[in-house]
């Protein structure tokens, strides 16, 4: 038996996100708030290339180990399944699109900054319910996950905390759309 790097995109994503938290906390350089956090409405500078870069890089930045571990637990569980089904390249594009959509909407609608991979995780949660689906069917598991996860996020959106339920909801919407569009396996 040997250890296999079975899901290159998922594993690389998790390693980079983990290294960023480690480097940020050990160095005290505040790299994450500078390069891995989307500024909120009124703070996003459309002429600053770094702000545009954060529309994707925010998925790699996390506020600390607890934040990272809560996202990586589900990402490492669901990512390999999706990578096997859709391929690394297709999954990368789904992650990229979800990151850009959540980042843009947050930057132009919400006053708070955005960081973390939870939008990606919610995309994966909803998309996973389509993994054994046939054309033309709507999986009951999709409906139940949609109700359970997104209903809780909508309810939680009315309470004040440091969690972006909006990113969760948009990530779930992206995962649902990808599930219905049935991307082809590439890479």
C-alpha atoms as a PDB file:
ATOM      1  CA  UNK A   1       0.000   0.000   0.000  1.00  0.00           C
ATOM      2  CA  UNK A   2       1.076   3.543  -0.660  1.00  0.00           C
ATOM      3  CA  UNK A   3      -0.291   7.005   0.022  1.00  0.00           C
ATOM      4  CA  UNK A   4      -1.719   8.607  -3.097  1.00  0.00           C
ATOM      5  CA  UNK A   5      -2.250  12.312  -3.807  1.00  0.00           C
ATOM      6  CA  UNK A   6      -5.748  11.362  -4.938  1.00  0.00           C
ATOM      7  CA  UNK A   7      -7.408  14.754  -5.373  1.00  0.00           C
ATOM      8  CA  UNK A   8      -4.739  17.219  -6.515  1.00  0.00           C
ATOM      9  CA  UNK A   9      -6.933  20.319  -6.655  1.00  0.00           C
ATOM     10  CA  UNK A  10      -8.620  19.698  -3.319  1.00  0.00           C
ATOM     11  CA  UNK A  11      -5.429  18.734  -1.509  1.00  0.00           C
ATOM     12  CA  UNK A  12      -3.425  21.624  -2.977  1.00  0.00           C
ATOM     13  CA  UNK A  13      -6.193  24.073  -2.039  1.00  0.00           C
ATOM     14  CA  UNK A  14      -6.215  22.752   1.558  1.00  0.00           C
ATOM     15  CA  UNK A  15      -2.420  22.847   1.844  1.00  0.00           C
ATOM     16  CA  UNK A  16      -2.174  26.422   0.526  1.00  0.00           C
ATOM     17  CA  UNK A  17      -4.958  27.632   2.842  1.00  0.00           C
ATOM     18  CA  UNK A  18      -3.275  25.931   5.820  1.00  0.00           C
ATOM     19  CA  UNK A  19       0.148  27.368   4.978  1.00  0.00           C
ATOM     20  CA  UNK A  20      -1.353  30.851   4.693  1.00  0.00           C
ATOM     21  CA  UNK A  21      -2.822  30.677   8.201  1.00  0.00           C
ATOM     22  CA  UNK A  22       0.460  29.308   9.550  1.00  0.00           C
ATOM     23  CA  UNK A  23       2.586  31.980   7.833  1.00  0.00           C
ATOM     24  CA  UNK A  24       0.188  34.767   8.803  1.00  0.00           C
ATOM     25  CA  UNK A  25       0.104  33.760  12.456  1.00  0.00           C
ATOM     26  CA  UNK A  26       3.822  32.987  12.828  1.00  0.00           C
ATOM     27  CA  UNK A  27       5.063  36.068  10.957  1.00  0.00           C
ATOM     28  CA  UNK A  28       2.495  38.551  12.217  1.00  0.00           C
ATOM     29  CA  UNK A  29       2.662  40.118   8.746  1.00  0.00           C
ATOM     30  CA  UNK A  30      -1.126  40.389   8.350  1.00  0.00           C
ATOM     31  CA  UNK A  31      -0.994  38.879   4.864  1.00  0.00           C
ATOM     32  CA  UNK A  32      -4.527  37.496   5.081  1.00  0.00           C
ATOM     33  CA  UNK A  33      -6.321  40.823   5.690  1.00  0.00           C
ATOM     34  CA  UNK A  34      -4.226  42.478   2.965  1.00  0.00           C
ATOM     35  CA  UNK A  35      -4.253  39.897   0.165  1.00  0.00           C
ATOM     36  CA  UNK A  36      -6.917  37.336   1.055  1.00  0.00           C
ATOM     37  CA  UNK A  37      -9.952  39.340   2.132  1.00  0.00           C
ATOM     38  CA  UNK A  38     -12.520  41.031  -0.133  1.00  0.00           C
ATOM     39  CA  UNK A  39     -13.251  44.559   1.115  1.00  0.00           C
ATOM     40  CA  UNK A  40     -16.912  45.326   1.710  1.00  0.00           C
ATOM     41  CA  UNK A  41     -19.160  47.849  -0.019  1.00  0.00           C
ATOM     42  CA  UNK A  42     -17.622  51.288  -0.096  1.00  0.00           C
ATOM     43  CA  UNK A  43     -14.155  49.897   0.629  1.00  0.00           C
ATOM     44  CA  UNK A  44     -13.591  47.951  -2.610  1.00  0.00           C
ATOM     45  CA  UNK A  45     -11.323  50.028  -4.842  1.00  0.00           C
ATOM     46  CA  UNK A  46     -12.042  49.201  -8.497  1.00  0.00           C
ATOM     47  CA  UNK A  47      -8.682  50.691  -9.549  1.00  0.00           C
ATOM     48  CA  UNK A  48      -6.674  48.525  -7.115  1.00  0.00           C
ATOM     49  CA  UNK A  49      -5.482  45.242  -8.686  1.00  0.00           C
ATOM     50  CA  UNK A  50      -5.125  43.675  -5.230  1.00  0.00           C
ATOM     51  CA  UNK A  51      -8.829  44.210  -4.533  1.00  0.00           C
ATOM     52  CA  UNK A  52      -9.642  42.443  -7.808  1.00  0.00           C
ATOM     53  CA  UNK A  53      -7.252  39.619  -6.915  1.00  0.00           C
ATOM     54  CA  UNK A  54      -9.021  39.112  -3.564  1.00  0.00           C
ATOM     55  CA  UNK A  55     -12.223  38.207  -5.407  1.00  0.00           C
ATOM     56  CA  UNK A  56     -10.645  34.758  -5.740  1.00  0.00           C
ATOM     57  CA  UNK A  57      -7.948  34.665  -3.070  1.00  0.00           C
ATOM     58  CA  UNK A  58     -10.455  35.258  -0.245  1.00  0.00           C
ATOM     59  CA  UNK A  59     -11.274  31.552  -0.461  1.00  0.00           C
ATOM     60  CA  UNK A  60      -7.736  30.704   0.667  1.00  0.00           C
ATOM     61  CA  UNK A  61      -7.597  33.118   3.605  1.00  0.00           C
ATOM     62  CA  UNK A  62      -9.049  32.226   7.013  1.00  0.00           C
ATOM     63  CA  UNK A  63      -9.271  34.143  10.284  1.00  0.00           C
ATOM     64  CA  UNK A  64      -7.569  31.387  12.263  1.00  0.00           C
ATOM     65  CA  UNK A  65      -7.260  27.657  12.836  1.00  0.00           C
ATOM     66  CA  UNK A  66     -10.885  27.097  13.890  1.00  0.00           C
ATOM     67  CA  UNK A  67     -12.174  28.868  10.794  1.00  0.00           C
ATOM     68  CA  UNK A  68      -9.772  26.927   8.580  1.00  0.00           C
ATOM     69  CA  UNK A  69     -10.559  23.545  10.143  1.00  0.00           C
ATOM     70  CA  UNK A  70     -14.326  24.012   9.904  1.00  0.00           C
ATOM     71  CA  UNK A  71     -14.008  24.719   6.167  1.00  0.00           C
ATOM     72  CA  UNK A  72     -11.316  22.142   5.400  1.00  0.00           C
ATOM     73  CA  UNK A  73     -13.155  19.264   7.109  1.00  0.00           C
ATOM     74  CA  UNK A  74     -15.998  19.457   4.578  1.00  0.00           C
ATOM     75  CA  UNK A  75     -13.775  20.509   1.681  1.00  0.00           C
ATOM     76  CA  UNK A  76     -11.537  17.460   2.194  1.00  0.00           C
ATOM     77  CA  UNK A  77     -14.584  15.208   2.519  1.00  0.00           C
ATOM     78  CA  UNK A  78     -16.501  16.446  -0.532  1.00  0.00           C
ATOM     79  CA  UNK A  79     -13.723  17.739  -2.804  1.00  0.00           C
ATOM     80  CA  UNK A  80     -12.260  14.334  -3.739  1.00  0.00           C
ATOM     81  CA  UNK A  81     -15.723  12.968  -4.590  1.00  0.00           C
ATOM     82  CA  UNK A  82     -16.415  15.938  -6.857  1.00  0.00           C
ATOM     83  CA  UNK A  83     -12.933  15.883  -8.349  1.00  0.00           C
ATOM     84  CA  UNK A  84     -13.413  12.219  -9.264  1.00  0.00           C
ATOM     85  CA  UNK A  85     -16.835  12.930 -10.799  1.00  0.00           C
ATOM     86  CA  UNK A  86     -16.077  16.187 -12.644  1.00  0.00           C
ATOM     87  CA  UNK A  87     -12.291  16.265 -12.945  1.00  0.00           C
ATOM     88  CA  UNK A  88      -9.799  18.738 -11.494  1.00  0.00           C
ATOM     89  CA  UNK A  89     -10.141  21.317 -14.265  1.00  0.00           C
ATOM     90  CA  UNK A  90     -13.954  21.446 -14.193  1.00  0.00           C
ATOM     91  CA  UNK A  91     -13.969  21.605 -10.405  1.00  0.00           C
ATOM     92  CA  UNK A  92     -11.396  24.411 -10.488  1.00  0.00           C
ATOM     93  CA  UNK A  93     -13.654  26.441 -12.776  1.00  0.00           C
ATOM     94  CA  UNK A  94     -16.631  25.814 -10.477  1.00  0.00           C
ATOM     95  CA  UNK A  95     -14.577  26.966  -7.486  1.00  0.00           C
ATOM     96  CA  UNK A  96     -13.304  29.989  -9.422  1.00  0.00           C
ATOM     97  CA  UNK A  97     -16.769  31.058 -10.586  1.00  0.00           C
ATOM     98  CA  UNK A  98     -18.254  30.605  -7.108  1.00  0.00           C
ATOM     99  CA  UNK A  99     -15.414  32.625  -5.556  1.00  0.00           C
ATOM    100  CA  UNK A 100     -15.760  35.463  -8.065  1.00  0.00           C
ATOM    101  CA  UNK A 101     -19.559  35.623  -7.751  1.00  0.00           C
ATOM    102  CA  UNK A 102     -19.539  35.626  -3.934  1.00  0.00           C
ATOM    103  CA  UNK A 103     -16.653  38.104  -3.866  1.00  0.00           C
ATOM    104  CA  UNK A 104     -18.229  40.543  -6.327  1.00  0.00           C
ATOM    105  CA  UNK A 105     -21.642  40.457  -4.704  1.00  0.00           C
ATOM    106  CA  UNK A 106     -20.128  40.940  -1.262  1.00  0.00           C
ATOM    107  CA  UNK A 107     -17.920  43.830  -2.456  1.00  0.00           C
ATOM    108  CA  UNK A 108     -20.829  45.716  -3.953  1.00  0.00           C
ATOM    109  CA  UNK A 109     -23.685  44.839  -1.568  1.00  0.00           C
ATOM    110  CA  UNK A 110     -22.385  44.201   1.965  1.00  0.00           C
ATOM    111  CA  UNK A 111     -20.344  46.588   4.132  1.00  0.00           C
ATOM    112  CA  UNK A 112     -18.364  43.782   5.775  1.00  0.00           C
ATOM    113  CA  UNK A 113     -15.260  42.100   4.384  1.00  0.00           C
ATOM    114  CA  UNK A 114     -15.330  38.492   3.166  1.00  0.00           C
ATOM    115  CA  UNK A 115     -12.795  35.733   3.685  1.00  0.00           C
ATOM    116  CA  UNK A 116     -12.789  31.956   3.820  1.00  0.00           C
ATOM    117  CA  UNK A 117     -13.859  28.988   1.744  1.00  0.00           C
ATOM    118  CA  UNK A 118     -17.359  28.524   3.144  1.00  0.00           C
ATOM    119  CA  UNK A 119     -19.007  29.637  -0.108  1.00  0.00           C
ATOM    120  CA  UNK A 120     -16.961  26.957  -1.887  1.00  0.00           C
ATOM    121  CA  UNK A 121     -17.916  24.409   0.771  1.00  0.00           C
ATOM    122  CA  UNK A 122     -21.626  25.157   0.324  1.00  0.00           C
ATOM    123  CA  UNK A 123     -21.206  24.906  -3.452  1.00  0.00           C
ATOM    124  CA  UNK A 124     -19.705  21.454  -2.893  1.00  0.00           C
ATOM    125  CA  UNK A 125     -22.438  20.400  -0.451  1.00  0.00           C
ATOM    126  CA  UNK A 126     -25.205  21.090  -2.977  1.00  0.00           C
ATOM    127  CA  UNK A 127     -23.220  19.813  -5.955  1.00  0.00           C
ATOM    128  CA  UNK A 128     -22.463  16.514  -4.192  1.00  0.00           C
ATOM    129  CA  UNK A 129     -26.169  15.666  -4.125  1.00  0.00           C
ATOM    130  CA  UNK A 130     -25.990  15.395  -7.939  1.00  0.00           C
ATOM    131  CA  UNK A 131     -23.090  12.906  -8.094  1.00  0.00           C
ATOM    132  CA  UNK A 132     -25.244   9.814  -8.717  1.00  0.00           C
ATOM    133  CA  UNK A 133     -27.968  11.537 -10.670  1.00  0.00           C
ATOM    134  CA  UNK A 134     -29.398  10.612 -14.056  1.00  0.00           C
ATOM    135  CA  UNK A 135     -30.345  13.181 -16.676  1.00  0.00           C
ATOM    136  CA  UNK A 136     -33.767  14.678 -16.179  1.00  0.00           C
ATOM    137  CA  UNK A 137     -34.077  13.716 -12.516  1.00  0.00           C
ATOM    138  CA  UNK A 138     -34.042  16.028  -9.533  1.00  0.00           C
ATOM    139  CA  UNK A 139     -32.451  14.105  -6.670  1.00  0.00           C
ATOM    140  CA  UNK A 140     -34.472  14.004  -3.465  1.00  0.00           C
ATOM    141  CA  UNK A 141     -31.155  14.327  -1.596  1.00  0.00           C
ATOM    142  CA  UNK A 142     -30.665  17.690  -3.353  1.00  0.00           C
ATOM    143  CA  UNK A 143     -34.066  18.936  -2.180  1.00  0.00           C
ATOM    144  CA  UNK A 144     -33.437  17.814   1.395  1.00  0.00           C
ATOM    145  CA  UNK A 145     -29.950  19.334   1.501  1.00  0.00           C
ATOM    146  CA  UNK A 146     -31.287  22.528  -0.042  1.00  0.00           C
ATOM    147  CA  UNK A 147     -33.983  22.773   2.620  1.00  0.00           C
ATOM    148  CA  UNK A 148     -31.727  21.787   5.523  1.00  0.00           C
ATOM    149  CA  UNK A 149     -28.624  23.821   4.750  1.00  0.00           C
ATOM    150  CA  UNK A 150     -29.950  26.856   2.944  1.00  0.00           C
ATOM    151  CA  UNK A 151     -33.032  27.276   5.153  1.00  0.00           C
ATOM    152  CA  UNK A 152     -30.768  27.373   8.207  1.00  0.00           C
ATOM    153  CA  UNK A 153     -28.558  29.955   6.483  1.00  0.00           C
ATOM    154  CA  UNK A 154     -31.530  32.149   5.589  1.00  0.00           C
ATOM    155  CA  UNK A 155     -32.765  31.997   9.188  1.00  0.00           C
ATOM    156  CA  UNK A 156     -29.254  32.695  10.539  1.00  0.00           C
ATOM    157  CA  UNK A 157     -28.897  35.677   8.199  1.00  0.00           C
ATOM    158  CA  UNK A 158     -31.173  37.613  10.553  1.00  0.00           C
ATOM    159  CA  UNK A 159     -28.811  37.211  13.510  1.00  0.00           C
ATOM    160  CA  UNK A 160     -25.606  39.171  13.954  1.00  0.00           C
ATOM    161  CA  UNK A 161     -22.399  37.165  13.868  1.00  0.00           C
ATOM    162  CA  UNK A 162     -19.121  37.127  11.947  1.00  0.00           C
ATOM    163  CA  UNK A 163     -20.356  34.492   9.497  1.00  0.00           C
ATOM    164  CA  UNK A 164     -21.328  35.370   5.935  1.00  0.00           C
ATOM    165  CA  UNK A 165     -24.554  33.446   5.461  1.00  0.00           C
ATOM    166  CA  UNK A 166     -24.807  35.285   2.165  1.00  0.00           C
ATOM    167  CA  UNK A 167     -21.647  33.552   0.885  1.00  0.00           C
ATOM    168  CA  UNK A 168     -23.099  30.212   2.007  1.00  0.00           C
ATOM    169  CA  UNK A 169     -26.363  30.880   0.180  1.00  0.00           C
ATOM    170  CA  UNK A 170     -24.644  32.082  -3.011  1.00  0.00           C
ATOM    171  CA  UNK A 171     -22.247  29.114  -2.870  1.00  0.00           C
ATOM    172  CA  UNK A 172     -25.253  26.791  -2.540  1.00  0.00           C
ATOM    173  CA  UNK A 173     -26.963  28.478  -5.486  1.00  0.00           C
ATOM    174  CA  UNK A 174     -23.793  28.065  -7.582  1.00  0.00           C
ATOM    175  CA  UNK A 175     -23.529  24.372  -6.613  1.00  0.00           C
ATOM    176  CA  UNK A 176     -27.180  23.857  -7.525  1.00  0.00           C
ATOM    177  CA  UNK A 177     -26.720  25.498 -10.915  1.00  0.00           C
ATOM    178  CA  UNK A 178     -23.583  23.458 -11.615  1.00  0.00           C
ATOM    179  CA  UNK A 179     -25.482  20.301 -10.637  1.00  0.00           C
ATOM    180  CA  UNK A 180     -28.277  21.056 -13.072  1.00  0.00           C
ATOM    181  CA  UNK A 181     -25.844  22.086 -15.844  1.00  0.00           C
ATOM    182  CA  UNK A 182     -23.870  18.812 -15.446  1.00  0.00           C
ATOM    183  CA  UNK A 183     -20.345  19.961 -16.284  1.00  0.00           C
ATOM    184  CA  UNK A 184     -18.186  17.463 -18.138  1.00  0.00           C
ATOM    185  CA  UNK A 185     -15.211  15.763 -16.567  1.00  0.00           C
ATOM    186  CA  UNK A 186     -11.944  17.434 -17.577  1.00  0.00           C
ATOM    187  CA  UNK A 187      -8.493  16.966 -16.136  1.00  0.00           C
END
